[in-house]
Amino acid sequence: MEQYYKLSRVKELADNDMDFIQALAEAFIEEVPEDAERLKKAVATLDYKETYQAAHKMKPTIDLFELGVLQDLLVVQDWGKFEKVGEDCSSQLELVLTAVEKATTEIKEDFNL
């Protein structure tokens, strides 16, 4: 439990309310992998606006669950926001996608989702 994510901030936000923590975990599973796929496609097609929007949407949840890739996500977000033509954010994107995948798998197991 909590190898690829951390619950300390989630528990603090939820005031240790297990039902609320469960709801946040479910929201993570429902939204973050979908947003990660959206982000992956946006970067691949050089869709800067979509990249920015997807990364921006993911940011609070990635931070709350402490996946350890917030800085990498910010690099990807800024790549889209500032339309950094000619710059490569693929290594940071890959770190984010891997972290999301591992955390998703672990949260599903830990919360029986």
PDB file of N, CA and C in Angstrom:
ATOM      1  N   MET A   1       0.840  -1.193   0.000  1.00  0.00           N
ATOM      2  CA  MET A   1       0.000   0.000   0.000  1.00  0.00           C
ATOM      3  C   MET A   1       0.882   1.253   0.000  1.00  0.00           C
ATOM      4  N   GLU A   2       0.479   2.198  -0.772  1.00  0.00           N
ATOM      5  CA  GLU A   2       1.124   3.508  -0.857  1.00  0.00           C
ATOM      6  C   GLU A   2       2.598   3.437  -1.267  1.00  0.00           C
ATOM      7  N   GLN A   3       2.889   2.619  -2.240  1.00  0.00           N
ATOM      8  CA  GLN A   3       4.244   2.599  -2.781  1.00  0.00           C
ATOM      9  C   GLN A   3       4.392   3.652  -3.873  1.00  0.00           C
ATOM     10  N   TYR A   4       3.365   3.796  -4.712  1.00  0.00           N
ATOM     11  CA  TYR A   4       3.426   4.716  -5.844  1.00  0.00           C
ATOM     12  C   TYR A   4       2.593   5.980  -5.642  1.00  0.00           C
ATOM     13  N   TYR A   5       1.970   6.083  -4.510  1.00  0.00           N
ATOM     14  CA  TYR A   5       1.205   7.276  -4.147  1.00  0.00           C
ATOM     15  C   TYR A   5       1.224   7.380  -2.635  1.00  0.00           C
ATOM     16  N   LYS A   6       0.807   8.526  -2.125  1.00  0.00           N
ATOM     17  CA  LYS A   6       0.759   8.737  -0.678  1.00  0.00           C
ATOM     18  C   LYS A   6      -0.630   9.248  -0.299  1.00  0.00           C
ATOM     19  N   LEU A   7      -1.107   8.817   0.839  1.00  0.00           N
ATOM     20  CA  LEU A   7      -2.436   9.229   1.300  1.00  0.00           C
ATOM     21  C   LEU A   7      -2.405  10.282   2.390  1.00  0.00           C
ATOM     22  N   SER A   8      -1.238  10.713   2.819  1.00  0.00           N
ATOM     23  CA  SER A   8      -1.173  11.634   3.957  1.00  0.00           C
ATOM     24  C   SER A   8      -1.969  12.916   3.712  1.00  0.00           C
ATOM     25  N   ARG A   9      -1.816  13.524   2.548  1.00  0.00           N
ATOM     26  CA  ARG A   9      -2.553  14.764   2.262  1.00  0.00           C
ATOM     27  C   ARG A   9      -4.029  14.481   2.007  1.00  0.00           C
ATOM     28  N   VAL A  10      -4.314  13.321   1.437  1.00  0.00           N
ATOM     29  CA  VAL A  10      -5.708  12.922   1.209  1.00  0.00           C
ATOM     30  C   VAL A  10      -6.410  12.759   2.555  1.00  0.00           C
ATOM     31  N   LYS A  11      -5.752  12.072   3.477  1.00  0.00           N
ATOM     32  CA  LYS A  11      -6.329  11.869   4.810  1.00  0.00           C
ATOM     33  C   LYS A  11      -6.521  13.192   5.537  1.00  0.00           C
ATOM     34  N   GLU A  12      -5.556  14.090   5.372  1.00  0.00           N
ATOM     35  CA  GLU A  12      -5.660  15.404   6.000  1.00  0.00           C
ATOM     36  C   GLU A  12      -6.850  16.171   5.424  1.00  0.00           C
ATOM     37  N   LEU A  13      -6.979  16.170   4.121  1.00  0.00           N
ATOM     38  CA  LEU A  13      -8.097  16.844   3.458  1.00  0.00           C
ATOM     39  C   LEU A  13      -9.431  16.243   3.893  1.00  0.00           C
ATOM     40  N   ALA A  14      -9.463  14.928   4.010  1.00  0.00           N
ATOM     41  CA  ALA A  14     -10.701  14.211   4.353  1.00  0.00           C
ATOM     42  C   ALA A  14     -10.937  14.140   5.856  1.00  0.00           C
ATOM     43  N   ASP A  15     -10.013  14.666   6.626  1.00  0.00           N
ATOM     44  CA  ASP A  15     -10.101  14.580   8.083  1.00  0.00           C
ATOM     45  C   ASP A  15     -10.299  13.123   8.523  1.00  0.00           C
ATOM     46  N   ASN A  16      -9.567  12.240   7.843  1.00  0.00           N
ATOM     47  CA  ASN A  16      -9.590  10.792   8.099  1.00  0.00           C
ATOM     48  C   ASN A  16     -10.960  10.142   7.919  1.00  0.00           C
ATOM     49  N   ASP A  17     -11.864  10.781   7.200  1.00  0.00           N
ATOM     50  CA  ASP A  17     -13.176  10.209   6.874  1.00  0.00           C
ATOM     51  C   ASP A  17     -12.968   9.165   5.770  1.00  0.00           C
ATOM     52  N   MET A  18     -13.076   7.888   6.130  1.00  0.00           N
ATOM     53  CA  MET A  18     -12.769   6.814   5.187  1.00  0.00           C
ATOM     54  C   MET A  18     -13.700   6.800   3.980  1.00  0.00           C
ATOM     55  N   ASP A  19     -14.940   7.193   4.154  1.00  0.00           N
ATOM     56  CA  ASP A  19     -15.864   7.248   3.015  1.00  0.00           C
ATOM     57  C   ASP A  19     -15.402   8.310   2.010  1.00  0.00           C
ATOM     58  N   PHE A  20     -14.950   9.441   2.523  1.00  0.00           N
ATOM     59  CA  PHE A  20     -14.472  10.511   1.658  1.00  0.00           C
ATOM     60  C   PHE A  20     -13.168  10.098   0.970  1.00  0.00           C
ATOM     61  N   ILE A  21     -12.287   9.439   1.717  1.00  0.00           N
ATOM     62  CA  ILE A  21     -11.034   8.949   1.139  1.00  0.00           C
ATOM     63  C   ILE A  21     -11.335   7.956   0.014  1.00  0.00           C
ATOM     64  N   GLN A  22     -12.299   7.074   0.255  1.00  0.00           N
ATOM     65  CA  GLN A  22     -12.720   6.117  -0.779  1.00  0.00           C
ATOM     66  C   GLN A  22     -13.244   6.855  -2.013  1.00  0.00           C
ATOM     67  N   ALA A  23     -14.038   7.887  -1.790  1.00  0.00           N
ATOM     68  CA  ALA A  23     -14.594   8.668  -2.901  1.00  0.00           C
ATOM     69  C   ALA A  23     -13.483   9.358  -3.698  1.00  0.00           C
ATOM     70  N   LEU A  24     -12.490   9.874  -3.009  1.00  0.00           N
ATOM     71  CA  LEU A  24     -11.358  10.510  -3.699  1.00  0.00           C
ATOM     72  C   LEU A  24     -10.567   9.488  -4.508  1.00  0.00           C
ATOM     73  N   ALA A  25     -10.392   8.296  -3.955  1.00  0.00           N
ATOM     74  CA  ALA A  25      -9.689   7.231  -4.677  1.00  0.00           C
ATOM     75  C   ALA A  25     -10.473   6.842  -5.932  1.00  0.00           C
ATOM     76  N   GLU A  26     -11.787   6.745  -5.805  1.00  0.00           N
ATOM     77  CA  GLU A  26     -12.632   6.423  -6.956  1.00  0.00           C
ATOM     78  C   GLU A  26     -12.547   7.514  -8.016  1.00  0.00           C
ATOM     79  N   ALA A  27     -12.533   8.766  -7.582  1.00  0.00           N
ATOM     80  CA  ALA A  27     -12.418   9.883  -8.518  1.00  0.00           C
ATOM     81  C   ALA A  27     -11.073   9.827  -9.250  1.00  0.00           C
ATOM     82  N   PHE A  28     -10.028   9.481  -8.522  1.00  0.00           N
ATOM     83  CA  PHE A  28      -8.705   9.329  -9.147  1.00  0.00           C
ATOM     84  C   PHE A  28      -8.785   8.301 -10.267  1.00  0.00           C
ATOM     85  N   ILE A  29      -9.342   7.133  -9.965  1.00  0.00           N
ATOM     86  CA  ILE A  29      -9.418   6.034 -10.927  1.00  0.00           C
ATOM     87  C   ILE A  29     -10.266   6.411 -12.143  1.00  0.00           C
ATOM     88  N   GLU A  30     -11.326   7.148 -11.909  1.00  0.00           N
ATOM     89  CA  GLU A  30     -12.229   7.519 -12.999  1.00  0.00           C
ATOM     90  C   GLU A  30     -11.641   8.602 -13.899  1.00  0.00           C
ATOM     91  N   GLU A  31     -10.891   9.524 -13.329  1.00  0.00           N
ATOM     92  CA  GLU A  31     -10.474  10.697 -14.088  1.00  0.00           C
ATOM     93  C   GLU A  31      -9.019  10.696 -14.546  1.00  0.00           C
ATOM     94  N   VAL A  32      -8.107  10.367 -13.677  1.00  0.00           N
ATOM     95  CA  VAL A  32      -6.686  10.568 -13.978  1.00  0.00           C
ATOM     96  C   VAL A  32      -6.180   9.710 -15.145  1.00  0.00           C
ATOM     97  N   PRO A  33      -6.491   8.415 -15.208  1.00  0.00           N
ATOM     98  CA  PRO A  33      -6.013   7.645 -16.363  1.00  0.00           C
ATOM     99  C   PRO A  33      -6.575   8.174 -17.690  1.00  0.00           C
ATOM    100  N   GLU A  34      -7.829   8.585 -17.676  1.00  0.00           N
ATOM    101  CA  GLU A  34      -8.446   9.161 -18.879  1.00  0.00           C
ATOM    102  C   GLU A  34      -7.744  10.462 -19.276  1.00  0.00           C
ATOM    103  N   ASP A  35      -7.469  11.303 -18.293  1.00  0.00           N
ATOM    104  CA  ASP A  35      -6.763  12.558 -18.559  1.00  0.00           C
ATOM    105  C   ASP A  35      -5.336  12.296 -19.042  1.00  0.00           C
ATOM    106  N   ALA A  36      -4.703  11.265 -18.504  1.00  0.00           N
ATOM    107  CA  ALA A  36      -3.339  10.917 -18.919  1.00  0.00           C
ATOM    108  C   ALA A  36      -3.326  10.490 -20.382  1.00  0.00           C
ATOM    109  N   GLU A  37      -4.320   9.734 -20.783  1.00  0.00           N
ATOM    110  CA  GLU A  37      -4.423   9.308 -22.187  1.00  0.00           C
ATOM    111  C   GLU A  37      -4.657  10.520 -23.088  1.00  0.00           C
ATOM    112  N   ARG A  38      -5.501  11.417 -22.625  1.00  0.00           N
ATOM    113  CA  ARG A  38      -5.770  12.666 -23.352  1.00  0.00           C
ATOM    114  C   ARG A  38      -4.468  13.471 -23.505  1.00  0.00           C
ATOM    115  N   LEU A  39      -3.699  13.533 -22.437  1.00  0.00           N
ATOM    116  CA  LEU A  39      -2.426  14.260 -22.443  1.00  0.00           C
ATOM    117  C   LEU A  39      -1.447  13.623 -23.427  1.00  0.00           C
ATOM    118  N   LYS A  40      -1.360  12.317 -23.392  1.00  0.00           N
ATOM    119  CA  LYS A  40      -0.461  11.580 -24.275  1.00  0.00           C
ATOM    120  C   LYS A  40      -0.786  11.873 -25.744  1.00  0.00           C
ATOM    121  N   LYS A  41      -2.059  11.809 -26.088  1.00  0.00           N
ATOM    122  CA  LYS A  41      -2.481  12.067 -27.472  1.00  0.00           C
ATOM    123  C   LYS A  41      -2.210  13.516 -27.866  1.00  0.00           C
ATOM    124  N   ALA A  42      -2.458  14.434 -26.944  1.00  0.00           N
ATOM    125  CA  ALA A  42      -2.267  15.857 -27.243  1.00  0.00           C
ATOM    126  C   ALA A  42      -0.803  16.168 -27.535  1.00  0.00           C
ATOM    127  N   VAL A  43       0.095  15.615 -26.742  1.00  0.00           N
ATOM    128  CA  VAL A  43       1.525  15.850 -26.970  1.00  0.00           C
ATOM    129  C   VAL A  43       1.943  15.218 -28.300  1.00  0.00           C
ATOM    130  N   ALA A  44       1.461  14.012 -28.560  1.00  0.00           N
ATOM    131  CA  ALA A  44       1.832  13.316 -29.792  1.00  0.00           C
ATOM    132  C   ALA A  44       1.398  14.074 -31.049  1.00  0.00           C
ATOM    133  N   THR A  45       0.274  14.778 -30.953  1.00  0.00           N
ATOM    134  CA  THR A  45      -0.244  15.509 -32.118  1.00  0.00           C
ATOM    135  C   THR A  45       0.118  16.993 -32.083  1.00  0.00           C
ATOM    136  N   LEU A  46       0.987  17.355 -31.143  1.00  0.00           N
ATOM    137  CA  LEU A  46       1.423  18.753 -30.980  1.00  0.00           C
ATOM    138  C   LEU A  46       0.239  19.698 -30.764  1.00  0.00           C
ATOM    139  N   ASP A  47      -0.752  19.212 -30.044  1.00  0.00           N
ATOM    140  CA  ASP A  47      -1.925  20.026 -29.713  1.00  0.00           C
ATOM    141  C   ASP A  47      -1.620  20.734 -28.387  1.00  0.00           C
ATOM    142  N   TYR A  48      -1.056  21.918 -28.497  1.00  0.00           N
ATOM    143  CA  TYR A  48      -0.583  22.638 -27.315  1.00  0.00           C
ATOM    144  C   TYR A  48      -1.712  22.991 -26.360  1.00  0.00           C
ATOM    145  N   LYS A  49      -2.828  23.466 -26.882  1.00  0.00           N
ATOM    146  CA  LYS A  49      -3.950  23.865 -26.035  1.00  0.00           C
ATOM    147  C   LYS A  49      -4.496  22.673 -25.257  1.00  0.00           C
ATOM    148  N   GLU A  50      -4.679  21.556 -25.932  1.00  0.00           N
ATOM    149  CA  GLU A  50      -5.195  20.340 -25.280  1.00  0.00           C
ATOM    150  C   GLU A  50      -4.190  19.816 -24.256  1.00  0.00           C
ATOM    151  N   THR A  51      -2.908  19.908 -24.587  1.00  0.00           N
ATOM    152  CA  THR A  51      -1.864  19.492 -23.646  1.00  0.00           C
ATOM    153  C   THR A  51      -1.963  20.312 -22.371  1.00  0.00           C
ATOM    154  N   TYR A  52      -2.041  21.620 -22.530  1.00  0.00           N
ATOM    155  CA  TYR A  52      -2.139  22.499 -21.367  1.00  0.00           C
ATOM    156  C   TYR A  52      -3.380  22.179 -20.544  1.00  0.00           C
ATOM    157  N   GLN A  53      -4.525  22.043 -21.200  1.00  0.00           N
ATOM    158  CA  GLN A  53      -5.779  21.806 -20.478  1.00  0.00           C
ATOM    159  C   GLN A  53      -5.768  20.476 -19.733  1.00  0.00           C
ATOM    160  N   ALA A  54      -5.270  19.421 -20.377  1.00  0.00           N
ATOM    161  CA  ALA A  54      -5.223  18.107 -19.736  1.00  0.00           C
ATOM    162  C   ALA A  54      -4.274  18.112 -18.543  1.00  0.00           C
ATOM    163  N   ALA A  55      -3.090  18.681 -18.727  1.00  0.00           N
ATOM    164  CA  ALA A  55      -2.106  18.728 -17.640  1.00  0.00           C
ATOM    165  C   ALA A  55      -2.617  19.576 -16.483  1.00  0.00           C
ATOM    166  N   HIS A  56      -3.221  20.693 -16.820  1.00  0.00           N
ATOM    167  CA  HIS A  56      -3.752  21.590 -15.789  1.00  0.00           C
ATOM    168  C   HIS A  56      -4.838  20.894 -14.969  1.00  0.00           C
ATOM    169  N   LYS A  57      -5.673  20.117 -15.626  1.00  0.00           N
ATOM    170  CA  LYS A  57      -6.739  19.391 -14.929  1.00  0.00           C
ATOM    171  C   LYS A  57      -6.171  18.309 -14.002  1.00  0.00           C
ATOM    172  N   MET A  58      -5.098  17.678 -14.430  1.00  0.00           N
ATOM    173  CA  MET A  58      -4.500  16.588 -13.650  1.00  0.00           C
ATOM    174  C   MET A  58      -3.721  17.087 -12.433  1.00  0.00           C
ATOM    175  N   LYS A  59      -3.224  18.293 -12.528  1.00  0.00           N
ATOM    176  CA  LYS A  59      -2.280  18.825 -11.540  1.00  0.00           C
ATOM    177  C   LYS A  59      -2.740  18.685 -10.079  1.00  0.00           C
ATOM    178  N   PRO A  60      -3.946  19.123  -9.713  1.00  0.00           N
ATOM    179  CA  PRO A  60      -4.323  19.034  -8.296  1.00  0.00           C
ATOM    180  C   PRO A  60      -4.373  17.597  -7.762  1.00  0.00           C
ATOM    181  N   THR A  61      -4.830  16.674  -8.584  1.00  0.00           N
ATOM    182  CA  THR A  61      -4.942  15.290  -8.131  1.00  0.00           C
ATOM    183  C   THR A  61      -3.578  14.626  -8.028  1.00  0.00           C
ATOM    184  N   ILE A  62      -2.710  14.907  -8.992  1.00  0.00           N
ATOM    185  CA  ILE A  62      -1.338  14.377  -8.950  1.00  0.00           C
ATOM    186  C   ILE A  62      -0.636  14.889  -7.689  1.00  0.00           C
ATOM    187  N   ASP A  63      -0.879  16.144  -7.374  1.00  0.00           N
ATOM    188  CA  ASP A  63      -0.294  16.754  -6.180  1.00  0.00           C
ATOM    189  C   ASP A  63      -0.905  16.166  -4.907  1.00  0.00           C
ATOM    190  N   LEU A  64      -2.223  16.051  -4.865  1.00  0.00           N
ATOM    191  CA  LEU A  64      -2.911  15.542  -3.674  1.00  0.00           C
ATOM    192  C   LEU A  64      -2.480  14.122  -3.325  1.00  0.00           C
ATOM    193  N   PHE A  65      -2.356  13.276  -4.344  1.00  0.00           N
ATOM    194  CA  PHE A  65      -1.966  11.885  -4.107  1.00  0.00           C
ATOM    195  C   PHE A  65      -0.448  11.693  -4.112  1.00  0.00           C
ATOM    196  N   GLU A  66       0.286  12.793  -4.233  1.00  0.00           N
ATOM    197  CA  GLU A  66       1.742  12.795  -4.132  1.00  0.00           C
ATOM    198  C   GLU A  66       2.416  11.706  -4.973  1.00  0.00           C
ATOM    199  N   LEU A  67       2.158  11.743  -6.271  1.00  0.00           N
ATOM    200  CA  LEU A  67       2.755  10.759  -7.168  1.00  0.00           C
ATOM    201  C   LEU A  67       4.237  11.020  -7.416  1.00  0.00           C
ATOM    202  N   GLY A  68       4.712  12.176  -7.031  1.00  0.00           N
ATOM    203  CA  GLY A  68       6.137  12.475  -7.168  1.00  0.00           C
ATOM    204  C   GLY A  68       6.545  12.960  -8.547  1.00  0.00           C
ATOM    205  N   VAL A  69       5.557  13.313  -9.372  1.00  0.00           N
ATOM    206  CA  VAL A  69       5.873  13.768 -10.734  1.00  0.00           C
ATOM    207  C   VAL A  69       5.255  15.133 -11.036  1.00  0.00           C
ATOM    208  N   LEU A  70       4.934  15.888 -10.004  1.00  0.00           N
ATOM    209  CA  LEU A  70       4.301  17.185 -10.218  1.00  0.00           C
ATOM    210  C   LEU A  70       5.195  18.094 -11.063  1.00  0.00           C
ATOM    211  N   GLN A  71       6.481  18.131 -10.770  1.00  0.00           N
ATOM    212  CA  GLN A  71       7.397  18.989 -11.532  1.00  0.00           C
ATOM    213  C   GLN A  71       7.441  18.576 -13.001  1.00  0.00           C
ATOM    214  N   ASP A  72       7.399  17.279 -13.250  1.00  0.00           N
ATOM    215  CA  ASP A  72       7.402  16.783 -14.629  1.00  0.00           C
ATOM    216  C   ASP A  72       6.105  17.173 -15.337  1.00  0.00           C
ATOM    217  N   LEU A  73       4.992  17.069 -14.623  1.00  0.00           N
ATOM    218  CA  LEU A  73       3.704  17.463 -15.188  1.00  0.00           C
ATOM    219  C   LEU A  73       3.695  18.957 -15.512  1.00  0.00           C
ATOM    220  N   LEU A  74       4.325  19.745 -14.654  1.00  0.00           N
ATOM    221  CA  LEU A  74       4.404  21.191 -14.903  1.00  0.00           C
ATOM    222  C   LEU A  74       5.223  21.501 -16.164  1.00  0.00           C
ATOM    223  N   VAL A  75       6.260  20.733 -16.413  1.00  0.00           N
ATOM    224  CA  VAL A  75       7.054  20.912 -17.634  1.00  0.00           C
ATOM    225  C   VAL A  75       6.177  20.654 -18.860  1.00  0.00           C
ATOM    226  N   VAL A  76       5.395  19.571 -18.800  1.00  0.00           N
ATOM    227  CA  VAL A  76       4.501  19.235 -19.909  1.00  0.00           C
ATOM    228  C   VAL A  76       3.427  20.307 -20.061  1.00  0.00           C
ATOM    229  N   GLN A  77       2.865  20.735 -18.936  1.00  0.00           N
ATOM    230  CA  GLN A  77       1.839  21.774 -18.968  1.00  0.00           C
ATOM    231  C   GLN A  77       2.393  23.057 -19.608  1.00  0.00           C
ATOM    232  N   ASP A  78       3.575  23.458 -19.186  1.00  0.00           N
ATOM    233  CA  ASP A  78       4.178  24.681 -19.727  1.00  0.00           C
ATOM    234  C   ASP A  78       4.542  24.538 -21.202  1.00  0.00           C
ATOM    235  N   TRP A  79       4.900  23.329 -21.618  1.00  0.00           N
ATOM    236  CA  TRP A  79       5.175  23.079 -23.023  1.00  0.00           C
ATOM    237  C   TRP A  79       3.935  23.434 -23.851  1.00  0.00           C
ATOM    238  N   GLY A  80       2.784  23.030 -23.336  1.00  0.00           N
ATOM    239  CA  GLY A  80       1.541  23.348 -24.029  1.00  0.00           C
ATOM    240  C   GLY A  80       1.131  24.799 -23.872  1.00  0.00           C
ATOM    241  N   LYS A  81       1.234  25.307 -22.676  1.00  0.00           N
ATOM    242  CA  LYS A  81       0.789  26.674 -22.386  1.00  0.00           C
ATOM    243  C   LYS A  81       1.559  27.705 -23.205  1.00  0.00           C
ATOM    244  N   PHE A  82       2.867  27.513 -23.277  1.00  0.00           N
ATOM    245  CA  PHE A  82       3.715  28.492 -23.961  1.00  0.00           C
ATOM    246  C   PHE A  82       4.095  28.062 -25.381  1.00  0.00           C
ATOM    247  N   GLU A  83       3.415  27.002 -25.867  1.00  0.00           N
ATOM    248  CA  GLU A  83       3.635  26.488 -27.220  1.00  0.00           C
ATOM    249  C   GLU A  83       5.120  26.416 -27.555  1.00  0.00           C
ATOM    250  N   LYS A  84       5.821  25.617 -26.786  1.00  0.00           N
ATOM    251  CA  LYS A  84       7.280  25.513 -26.916  1.00  0.00           C
ATOM    252  C   LYS A  84       7.663  24.646 -28.121  1.00  0.00           C
ATOM    253  N   VAL A  85       7.443  25.212 -29.290  1.00  0.00           N
ATOM    254  CA  VAL A  85       7.772  24.550 -30.547  1.00  0.00           C
ATOM    255  C   VAL A  85       9.265  24.234 -30.563  1.00  0.00           C
ATOM    256  N   GLY A  86       9.585  23.014 -30.945  1.00  0.00           N
ATOM    257  CA  GLY A  86      10.987  22.627 -31.033  1.00  0.00           C
ATOM    258  C   GLY A  86      11.546  22.059 -29.741  1.00  0.00           C
ATOM    259  N   GLU A  87      10.814  22.189 -28.647  1.00  0.00           N
ATOM    260  CA  GLU A  87      11.265  21.597 -27.382  1.00  0.00           C
ATOM    261  C   GLU A  87      10.614  20.235 -27.209  1.00  0.00           C
ATOM    262  N   ASP A  88      11.283  19.375 -26.485  1.00  0.00           N
ATOM    263  CA  ASP A  88      10.822  18.005 -26.299  1.00  0.00           C
ATOM    264  C   ASP A  88      10.487  17.777 -24.826  1.00  0.00           C
ATOM    265  N   CYS A  89       9.246  17.438 -24.571  1.00  0.00           N
ATOM    266  CA  CYS A  89       8.836  17.144 -23.189  1.00  0.00           C
ATOM    267  C   CYS A  89       8.491  15.663 -23.034  1.00  0.00           C
ATOM    268  N   SER A  90       8.924  14.845 -23.979  1.00  0.00           N
ATOM    269  CA  SER A  90       8.530  13.430 -23.972  1.00  0.00           C
ATOM    270  C   SER A  90       9.069  12.655 -22.771  1.00  0.00           C
ATOM    271  N   SER A  91      10.256  12.991 -22.293  1.00  0.00           N
ATOM    272  CA  SER A  91      10.785  12.255 -21.135  1.00  0.00           C
ATOM    273  C   SER A  91       9.973  12.567 -19.881  1.00  0.00           C
ATOM    274  N   GLN A  92       9.585  13.830 -19.716  1.00  0.00           N
ATOM    275  CA  GLN A  92       8.745  14.193 -18.566  1.00  0.00           C
ATOM    276  C   GLN A  92       7.354  13.576 -18.712  1.00  0.00           C
ATOM    277  N   LEU A  93       6.827  13.580 -19.918  1.00  0.00           N
ATOM    278  CA  LEU A  93       5.523  12.966 -20.163  1.00  0.00           C
ATOM    279  C   LEU A  93       5.560  11.492 -19.790  1.00  0.00           C
ATOM    280  N   GLU A  94       6.607  10.802 -20.190  1.00  0.00           N
ATOM    281  CA  GLU A  94       6.720   9.378 -19.899  1.00  0.00           C
ATOM    282  C   GLU A  94       6.776   9.119 -18.390  1.00  0.00           C
ATOM    283  N   LEU A  95       7.475   9.967 -17.657  1.00  0.00           N
ATOM    284  CA  LEU A  95       7.513   9.832 -16.194  1.00  0.00           C
ATOM    285  C   LEU A  95       6.119   9.989 -15.598  1.00  0.00           C
ATOM    286  N   VAL A  96       5.371  10.969 -16.084  1.00  0.00           N
ATOM    287  CA  VAL A  96       4.006  11.209 -15.600  1.00  0.00           C
ATOM    288  C   VAL A  96       3.115  10.015 -15.922  1.00  0.00           C
ATOM    289  N   LEU A  97       3.171   9.543 -17.157  1.00  0.00           N
ATOM    290  CA  LEU A  97       2.319   8.424 -17.570  1.00  0.00           C
ATOM    291  C   LEU A  97       2.630   7.158 -16.784  1.00  0.00           C
ATOM    292  N   THR A  98       3.896   6.901 -16.556  1.00  0.00           N
ATOM    293  CA  THR A  98       4.301   5.719 -15.784  1.00  0.00           C
ATOM    294  C   THR A  98       3.820   5.825 -14.341  1.00  0.00           C
ATOM    295  N   ALA A  99       3.976   7.006 -13.759  1.00  0.00           N
ATOM    296  CA  ALA A  99       3.531   7.204 -12.369  1.00  0.00           C
ATOM    297  C   ALA A  99       2.019   7.031 -12.250  1.00  0.00           C
ATOM    298  N   VAL A 100       1.280   7.569 -13.202  1.00  0.00           N
ATOM    299  CA  VAL A 100      -0.182   7.441 -13.184  1.00  0.00           C
ATOM    300  C   VAL A 100      -0.578   5.975 -13.313  1.00  0.00           C
ATOM    301  N   GLU A 101       0.072   5.271 -14.216  1.00  0.00           N
ATOM    302  CA  GLU A 101      -0.250   3.856 -14.428  1.00  0.00           C
ATOM    303  C   GLU A 101       0.009   3.034 -13.158  1.00  0.00           C
ATOM    304  N   LYS A 102       1.162   3.239 -12.548  1.00  0.00           N
ATOM    305  CA  LYS A 102       1.503   2.488 -11.336  1.00  0.00           C
ATOM    306  C   LYS A 102       0.585   2.848 -10.174  1.00  0.00           C
ATOM    307  N   ALA A 103       0.311   4.137 -10.002  1.00  0.00           N
ATOM    308  CA  ALA A 103      -0.575   4.565  -8.917  1.00  0.00           C
ATOM    309  C   ALA A 103      -1.995   4.057  -9.138  1.00  0.00           C
ATOM    310  N   THR A 104      -2.449   4.083 -10.371  1.00  0.00           N
ATOM    311  CA  THR A 104      -3.799   3.597 -10.680  1.00  0.00           C
ATOM    312  C   THR A 104      -3.938   2.129 -10.313  1.00  0.00           C
ATOM    313  N   THR A 105      -2.973   1.335 -10.724  1.00  0.00           N
ATOM    314  CA  THR A 105      -2.993  -0.089 -10.401  1.00  0.00           C
ATOM    315  C   THR A 105      -3.004  -0.309  -8.895  1.00  0.00           C
ATOM    316  N   GLU A 106      -2.166   0.430  -8.205  1.00  0.00           N
ATOM    317  CA  GLU A 106      -2.046   0.267  -6.749  1.00  0.00           C
ATOM    318  C   GLU A 106      -3.313   0.740  -6.025  1.00  0.00           C
ATOM    319  N   ILE A 107      -3.868   1.859  -6.450  1.00  0.00           N
ATOM    320  CA  ILE A 107      -5.090   2.368  -5.808  1.00  0.00           C
ATOM    321  C   ILE A 107      -6.244   1.401  -6.041  1.00  0.00           C
ATOM    322  N   LYS A 108      -6.337   0.838  -7.246  1.00  0.00           N
ATOM    323  CA  LYS A 108      -7.390  -0.144  -7.527  1.00  0.00           C
ATOM    324  C   LYS A 108      -7.276  -1.326  -6.563  1.00  0.00           C
ATOM    325  N   GLU A 109      -6.054  -1.805  -6.362  1.00  0.00           N
ATOM    326  CA  GLU A 109      -5.831  -2.928  -5.450  1.00  0.00           C
ATOM    327  C   GLU A 109      -6.128  -2.539  -4.010  1.00  0.00           C
ATOM    328  N   ASP A 110      -5.608  -1.393  -3.588  1.00  0.00           N
ATOM    329  CA  ASP A 110      -5.746  -0.975  -2.193  1.00  0.00           C
ATOM    330  C   ASP A 110      -7.182  -0.665  -1.807  1.00  0.00           C
ATOM    331  N   PHE A 111      -7.976  -0.175  -2.754  1.00  0.00           N
ATOM    332  CA  PHE A 111      -9.347   0.232  -2.457  1.00  0.00           C
ATOM    333  C   PHE A 111     -10.380  -0.711  -3.074  1.00  0.00           C
ATOM    334  N   ASN A 112      -9.917  -1.854  -3.570  1.00  0.00           N
ATOM    335  CA  ASN A 112     -10.802  -2.863  -4.185  1.00  0.00           C
ATOM    336  C   ASN A 112     -11.702  -2.255  -5.254  1.00  0.00           C
ATOM    337  N   LEU A 113     -11.099  -1.506  -6.166  1.00  0.00           N
ATOM    338  CA  LEU A 113     -11.865  -0.856  -7.239  1.00  0.00           C
ATOM    339  C   LEU A 113     -11.680  -1.586  -8.554  1.00  0.00           C
TER     340      LEU A 113
END
